[in-house]
Amino acid sequence: MNILIWILMIVGGAAGMLSTAYLVLAMPVIFGWKVYRKFKYHIGLYD
């Protein structure tokens, strides 16, 4: 039973770390892409 709990903790922790890493990396990239499109194509930031 103890090994099952350890496996669940490792899988849950890995899922949390991956989702957090994705958000930390994706948000600035998307914001930069939108700013780039604003200056190059004169598209609004909210489109």
C-alpha atoms as a PDB file:
ATOM      1  CA  MET A   1       0.000   0.000   0.000  1.00  0.00           C
ATOM      2  CA  ASN A   2       2.832   2.366   0.803  1.00  0.00           C
ATOM      3  CA  ILE A   3       4.397   1.958  -2.668  1.00  0.00           C
ATOM      4  CA  LEU A   4       1.069   2.850  -4.310  1.00  0.00           C
ATOM      5  CA  ILE A   5       0.894   6.087  -2.342  1.00  0.00           C
ATOM      6  CA  TRP A   6       4.475   6.941  -3.369  1.00  0.00           C
ATOM      7  CA  ILE A   7       3.656   6.317  -7.036  1.00  0.00           C
ATOM      8  CA  LEU A   8       0.576   8.539  -6.809  1.00  0.00           C
ATOM      9  CA  MET A   9       2.616  11.278  -5.121  1.00  0.00           C
ATOM     10  CA  ILE A  10       5.295  11.137  -7.818  1.00  0.00           C
ATOM     11  CA  VAL A  11       2.772  11.166 -10.679  1.00  0.00           C
ATOM     12  CA  GLY A  12       0.764  13.986  -9.109  1.00  0.00           C
ATOM     13  CA  GLY A  13       3.870  16.041  -8.383  1.00  0.00           C
ATOM     14  CA  ALA A  14       5.159  15.562 -11.924  1.00  0.00           C
ATOM     15  CA  ALA A  15       1.796  16.633 -13.371  1.00  0.00           C
ATOM     16  CA  GLY A  16       1.824  19.752 -11.209  1.00  0.00           C
ATOM     17  CA  MET A  17       5.392  20.645 -12.139  1.00  0.00           C
ATOM     18  CA  LEU A  18       4.771  20.137 -15.868  1.00  0.00           C
ATOM     19  CA  SER A  19       1.617  22.244 -15.899  1.00  0.00           C
ATOM     20  CA  THR A  20       3.347  25.008 -13.927  1.00  0.00           C
ATOM     21  CA  ALA A  21       6.384  24.960 -16.220  1.00  0.00           C
ATOM     22  CA  TYR A  22       4.107  25.157 -19.276  1.00  0.00           C
ATOM     23  CA  LEU A  23       2.301  28.206 -17.901  1.00  0.00           C
ATOM     24  CA  VAL A  24       5.523  29.951 -16.848  1.00  0.00           C
ATOM     25  CA  LEU A  25       7.039  29.455 -20.315  1.00  0.00           C
ATOM     26  CA  ALA A  26       3.936  29.945 -22.481  1.00  0.00           C
ATOM     27  CA  MET A  27       2.562  33.170 -21.010  1.00  0.00           C
ATOM     28  CA  PRO A  28       5.557  35.426 -21.827  1.00  0.00           C
ATOM     29  CA  VAL A  29       5.915  33.836 -25.280  1.00  0.00           C
ATOM     30  CA  ILE A  30       2.258  34.465 -26.137  1.00  0.00           C
ATOM     31  CA  PHE A  31       2.445  38.019 -24.799  1.00  0.00           C
ATOM     32  CA  GLY A  32       5.591  38.696 -26.840  1.00  0.00           C
ATOM     33  CA  TRP A  33       3.973  37.244 -29.953  1.00  0.00           C
ATOM     34  CA  LYS A  34       0.953  39.508 -29.499  1.00  0.00           C
ATOM     35  CA  VAL A  35       3.155  42.589 -29.036  1.00  0.00           C
ATOM     36  CA  TYR A  36       5.126  41.619 -32.154  1.00  0.00           C
ATOM     37  CA  ARG A  37       1.906  41.295 -34.179  1.00  0.00           C
ATOM     38  CA  LYS A  38       0.709  44.643 -32.824  1.00  0.00           C
ATOM     39  CA  PHE A  39       3.779  46.467 -34.085  1.00  0.00           C
ATOM     40  CA  LYS A  40       4.214  44.589 -37.356  1.00  0.00           C
ATOM     41  CA  TYR A  41       0.603  44.120 -38.517  1.00  0.00           C
ATOM     42  CA  HIS A  42      -1.217  46.744 -36.396  1.00  0.00           C
ATOM     43  CA  ILE A  43      -3.462  44.058 -34.875  1.00  0.00           C
ATOM     44  CA  GLY A  44      -4.952  44.685 -31.431  1.00  0.00           C
ATOM     45  CA  LEU A  45      -3.597  42.856 -28.410  1.00  0.00           C
ATOM     46  CA  TYR A  46      -6.999  41.294 -27.716  1.00  0.00           C
ATOM     47  CA  ASP A  47      -7.566  39.756 -31.176  1.00  0.00           C
END
